[in-house]
Amino acid sequence: MIQTILFDWDGTLLNSNDLINQSNMHALNQYCEHQYTEDEVKPFNGPPLIQVYKEIYPEKAEEMLAAYRAFNGEHHDEMVHLFPNVATVLRALKKQGIMLGVVSTKRRKMVIKGIELFDLSDVFDVVIGGDSCPVHKPHADPILKGMSEIQAEKATTIMVGDNWQDIEAANNAGIRSVFVEWSQKSLADMEPYNPTVTIQTMDQLLELVKAENKEG
């Protein structure tokens, strides 16, 4: 049975891929001699940015992070949109009594900004941001914190995401995982982390929940 669904935010529910890529290029290309292309920055979508920037240019990591955040905040509303059927399926799941949450590496206030932009504040029971925990995915703690806040059980909770960090965090937390194929990562990228289920559309998630809960 599925009673709780935790979602990653960027690249899973929110199509912010262009915004994130452009923000990374804006920040990196101000400080790095090498001028990064969009394809080169795509792998940076997922892990904590300060970690990425420290590996590239440790002396300027904080300045690059500030540049990223400034660009991202300025262009957020005009460059993001929900993936197809996200709002419809979330509301259908809510109607079925499923508890819903977000577990993201993005700062919580920026996740809330996106949730409010698309009028989804009434949908989510918990929102965990990158500043809500001392560690980030793939550690289990952000997922476990979200579950604790809404008293969710491991056996009936799933984590839905588009990155290996989401899948591995679910593995580490002892819950099932769902990989979404509609973002920038492929199933081949995820195979080493063994997602429990792979879906191509939000409608498939709704059908998965209906089928399992009917059997339960």
Protein backbone atom coordinates (compact mmCIF):
# COMPACT_ATOMS: atom_id res chain seq x y z
CA MET A 1 0.00 0.00 0.00
CA ILE A 2 1.14 3.57 -0.70
CA GLN A 3 0.09 6.21 1.82
CA THR A 4 2.88 8.78 1.45
CA ILE A 5 4.71 10.09 -1.61
CA LEU A 6 7.78 12.29 -1.30
CA PHE A 7 8.90 14.12 -4.43
CA ASP A 8 12.07 15.78 -5.49
CA TRP A 9 11.20 19.26 -6.79
CA ASP A 10 13.46 20.45 -9.62
CA GLY A 11 13.44 18.15 -12.62
CA THR A 12 10.70 16.00 -11.11
CA LEU A 13 7.64 18.21 -10.58
CA LEU A 14 9.06 21.55 -11.68
CA ASN A 15 10.69 21.90 -15.08
CA SER A 16 13.44 24.28 -14.07
CA ASN A 17 16.11 22.61 -16.17
CA ASP A 18 16.70 25.64 -18.41
CA LEU A 19 16.79 27.99 -15.42
CA ILE A 20 19.28 25.80 -13.54
CA ASN A 21 21.50 25.33 -16.58
CA GLN A 22 21.50 29.05 -17.39
CA SER A 23 22.12 29.95 -13.73
CA ASN A 24 25.10 27.61 -13.60
CA MET A 25 26.52 28.99 -16.84
CA HIS A 26 26.04 32.55 -15.60
CA ALA A 27 27.88 31.82 -12.34
CA LEU A 28 30.67 29.63 -13.69
CA ASN A 29 31.48 31.69 -16.75
CA GLN A 30 31.98 34.82 -14.67
CA TYR A 31 34.82 33.24 -12.73
CA CYS A 32 36.25 30.36 -14.76
CA GLU A 33 38.63 30.64 -17.68
CA HIS A 34 36.88 27.70 -19.31
CA GLN A 35 33.50 28.79 -20.65
CA TYR A 36 30.97 26.11 -19.78
CA THR A 37 28.33 24.97 -22.25
CA GLU A 38 24.81 23.84 -21.40
CA ASP A 39 25.72 20.18 -21.90
CA GLU A 40 28.67 20.57 -19.53
CA VAL A 41 26.58 22.00 -16.69
CA LYS A 42 23.72 19.49 -16.90
CA PRO A 43 25.46 17.04 -14.50
CA PHE A 44 25.50 19.81 -11.87
CA ASN A 45 21.69 19.58 -11.56
CA GLY A 46 21.19 17.47 -8.45
CA PRO A 47 24.06 17.70 -5.94
CA PRO A 48 24.49 20.71 -3.60
CA LEU A 49 25.90 23.56 -5.67
CA ILE A 50 28.46 24.67 -3.11
CA GLN A 51 29.93 21.18 -3.31
CA VAL A 52 30.07 21.38 -7.11
CA TYR A 53 31.65 24.83 -7.11
CA LYS A 54 34.24 23.91 -4.49
CA GLU A 55 35.39 21.06 -6.70
CA ILE A 56 35.71 23.38 -9.71
CA TYR A 57 37.12 26.58 -8.18
CA PRO A 58 37.28 26.43 -4.36
CA GLU A 59 38.61 29.96 -3.95
CA LYS A 60 35.57 31.44 -5.68
CA ALA A 61 32.89 28.93 -4.69
CA GLU A 62 30.97 31.29 -2.41
CA GLU A 63 30.96 34.08 -5.02
CA MET A 64 29.79 31.68 -7.70
CA LEU A 65 27.00 30.46 -5.45
CA ALA A 66 25.91 34.06 -4.82
CA ALA A 67 25.95 34.76 -8.58
CA TYR A 68 23.91 31.63 -9.22
CA ARG A 69 21.31 32.55 -6.62
CA ALA A 70 20.99 36.12 -7.88
CA PHE A 71 20.40 35.01 -11.48
CA ASN A 72 18.12 32.18 -10.43
CA GLY A 73 15.99 34.37 -8.20
CA GLU A 74 15.68 37.11 -10.81
CA HIS A 75 14.60 34.79 -13.64
CA HIS A 76 12.75 32.09 -11.67
CA ASP A 77 9.13 32.92 -12.42
CA GLU A 78 9.61 33.47 -16.14
CA MET A 79 11.70 30.35 -16.78
CA VAL A 80 9.98 27.57 -14.84
CA HIS A 81 6.82 25.55 -15.41
CA LEU A 82 5.32 22.33 -14.14
CA PHE A 83 5.82 19.13 -16.09
CA PRO A 84 2.68 17.81 -17.86
CA ASN A 85 -0.23 16.80 -15.60
CA VAL A 86 1.69 17.49 -12.38
CA ALA A 87 -0.99 19.64 -10.76
CA THR A 88 -3.84 17.37 -11.88
CA VAL A 89 -2.20 14.20 -10.59
CA LEU A 90 -1.09 15.77 -7.31
CA ARG A 91 -4.65 16.86 -6.61
CA ALA A 92 -5.99 13.44 -7.58
CA LEU A 93 -3.55 11.78 -5.18
CA LYS A 94 -4.53 14.22 -2.44
CA LYS A 95 -8.19 13.41 -3.05
CA GLN A 96 -7.36 9.74 -2.45
CA GLY A 97 -5.96 10.63 0.96
CA ILE A 98 -2.29 10.27 0.04
CA MET A 99 0.11 12.40 2.08
CA LEU A 100 2.43 14.37 -0.19
CA GLY A 101 5.76 16.04 0.45
CA VAL A 102 8.78 17.58 -1.21
CA VAL A 103 12.36 16.64 -0.32
CA SER A 104 14.74 18.91 -2.23
CA THR A 105 18.35 20.05 -2.13
CA LYS A 106 17.18 23.57 -3.07
CA ARG A 107 16.75 26.11 -0.28
CA ARG A 108 13.33 25.68 1.30
CA LYS A 109 12.21 29.26 0.63
CA MET A 110 12.88 28.78 -3.10
CA VAL A 111 10.89 25.54 -3.14
CA ILE A 112 8.04 27.35 -1.40
CA LYS A 113 8.32 30.14 -3.98
CA GLY A 114 7.71 27.63 -6.76
CA ILE A 115 4.91 25.88 -4.90
CA GLU A 116 3.13 29.19 -4.36
CA LEU A 117 3.72 30.27 -7.96
CA PHE A 118 1.64 27.32 -9.16
CA ASP A 119 -0.97 27.44 -6.35
CA LEU A 120 0.06 24.12 -4.81
CA SER A 121 0.41 25.23 -1.18
CA ASP A 122 -2.64 23.21 -0.16
CA VAL A 123 -1.29 20.03 -1.74
CA PHE A 124 1.86 19.35 0.29
CA ASP A 125 1.93 18.16 3.88
CA VAL A 126 5.67 18.70 4.33
CA VAL A 127 8.46 20.53 2.50
CA ILE A 128 12.11 19.73 3.26
CA GLY A 129 14.72 21.96 1.65
CA GLY A 130 18.48 21.78 1.42
CA ASP A 131 18.72 24.04 4.46
CA SER A 132 16.30 21.92 6.51
CA CYS A 133 18.95 19.27 7.25
CA PRO A 134 22.69 19.36 7.91
CA VAL A 135 23.20 16.76 5.17
CA HIS A 136 21.64 16.33 1.74
CA LYS A 137 20.49 13.50 -0.50
CA PRO A 138 21.83 10.83 -1.09
CA HIS A 139 21.92 10.75 2.73
CA ALA A 140 18.73 9.32 4.17
CA ASP A 141 18.23 12.13 6.69
CA PRO A 142 16.20 14.57 4.53
CA ILE A 143 13.74 11.80 3.65
CA LEU A 144 13.58 10.56 7.23
CA LYS A 145 13.01 14.10 8.49
CA GLY A 146 10.13 14.57 6.07
CA MET A 147 8.61 11.25 7.09
CA SER A 148 9.00 12.07 10.77
CA GLU A 149 7.19 15.39 10.42
CA ILE A 150 4.09 13.70 9.01
CA GLN A 151 4.51 10.38 10.87
CA ALA A 152 4.87 8.37 7.68
CA GLU A 153 5.81 4.70 7.72
CA LYS A 154 8.63 3.26 5.62
CA ALA A 155 6.55 0.40 4.27
CA THR A 156 3.96 2.75 2.79
CA THR A 157 6.22 5.61 1.62
CA ILE A 158 7.82 6.09 -1.79
CA MET A 159 10.33 8.67 -3.07
CA VAL A 160 9.91 10.03 -6.60
CA GLY A 161 12.85 11.70 -8.33
CA ASP A 162 14.88 12.31 -11.46
CA ASN A 163 18.43 11.99 -10.11
CA TRP A 164 20.59 9.24 -8.66
CA GLN A 165 20.70 11.18 -5.38
CA ASP A 166 16.94 10.73 -5.02
CA ILE A 167 17.08 7.00 -5.71
CA GLU A 168 20.07 6.40 -3.45
CA ALA A 169 18.53 8.48 -0.66
CA ALA A 170 15.44 6.28 -0.84
CA ASN A 171 17.63 3.18 -0.73
CA ASN A 172 19.47 4.55 2.30
CA ALA A 173 16.19 5.43 4.02
CA GLY A 174 14.82 1.94 3.43
CA ILE A 175 11.89 2.99 1.25
CA ARG A 176 10.90 2.33 -2.35
CA SER A 177 11.90 4.65 -5.17
CA VAL A 178 10.33 5.82 -8.42
CA PHE A 179 12.53 7.23 -11.19
CA VAL A 180 10.94 9.67 -13.64
CA GLU A 181 12.17 9.54 -17.22
CA TRP A 182 10.86 12.95 -18.35
CA SER A 183 13.80 15.08 -17.24
CA GLN A 184 17.51 15.23 -18.13
CA LYS A 185 18.65 11.84 -16.83
CA SER A 186 18.12 8.51 -18.56
CA LEU A 187 17.20 5.11 -17.18
CA ALA A 188 20.72 3.95 -18.07
CA ASP A 189 22.06 6.62 -15.68
CA MET A 190 19.90 5.21 -12.88
CA GLU A 191 20.39 1.49 -13.38
CA PRO A 192 23.33 1.24 -10.96
CA TYR A 193 21.06 2.54 -8.18
CA ASN A 194 18.20 0.11 -8.84
CA PRO A 195 15.06 2.26 -8.72
CA THR A 196 12.06 0.21 -7.67
CA VAL A 197 9.87 1.53 -10.46
CA THR A 198 10.37 3.74 -13.53
CA ILE A 199 7.61 5.91 -14.99
CA GLN A 200 7.33 8.03 -18.11
CA THR A 201 4.35 10.20 -17.08
CA MET A 202 2.66 11.50 -13.95
CA ASP A 203 -0.46 9.59 -14.98
CA GLN A 204 1.52 6.36 -14.57
CA LEU A 205 2.26 7.32 -10.97
CA LEU A 206 -1.44 7.78 -10.31
CA GLU A 207 -2.20 4.38 -11.86
CA LEU A 208 0.57 2.77 -9.80
CA VAL A 209 -0.94 4.11 -6.59
CA LYS A 210 -4.48 3.09 -7.58
CA ALA A 211 -3.38 -0.43 -8.51
CA GLU A 212 -1.33 -1.04 -5.38
CA ASN A 213 -3.88 0.40 -2.99
CA LYS A 214 -6.66 -1.57 -4.64
CA GLU A 215 -4.67 -4.77 -4.12
CA GLY A 216 -3.88 -3.75 -0.55
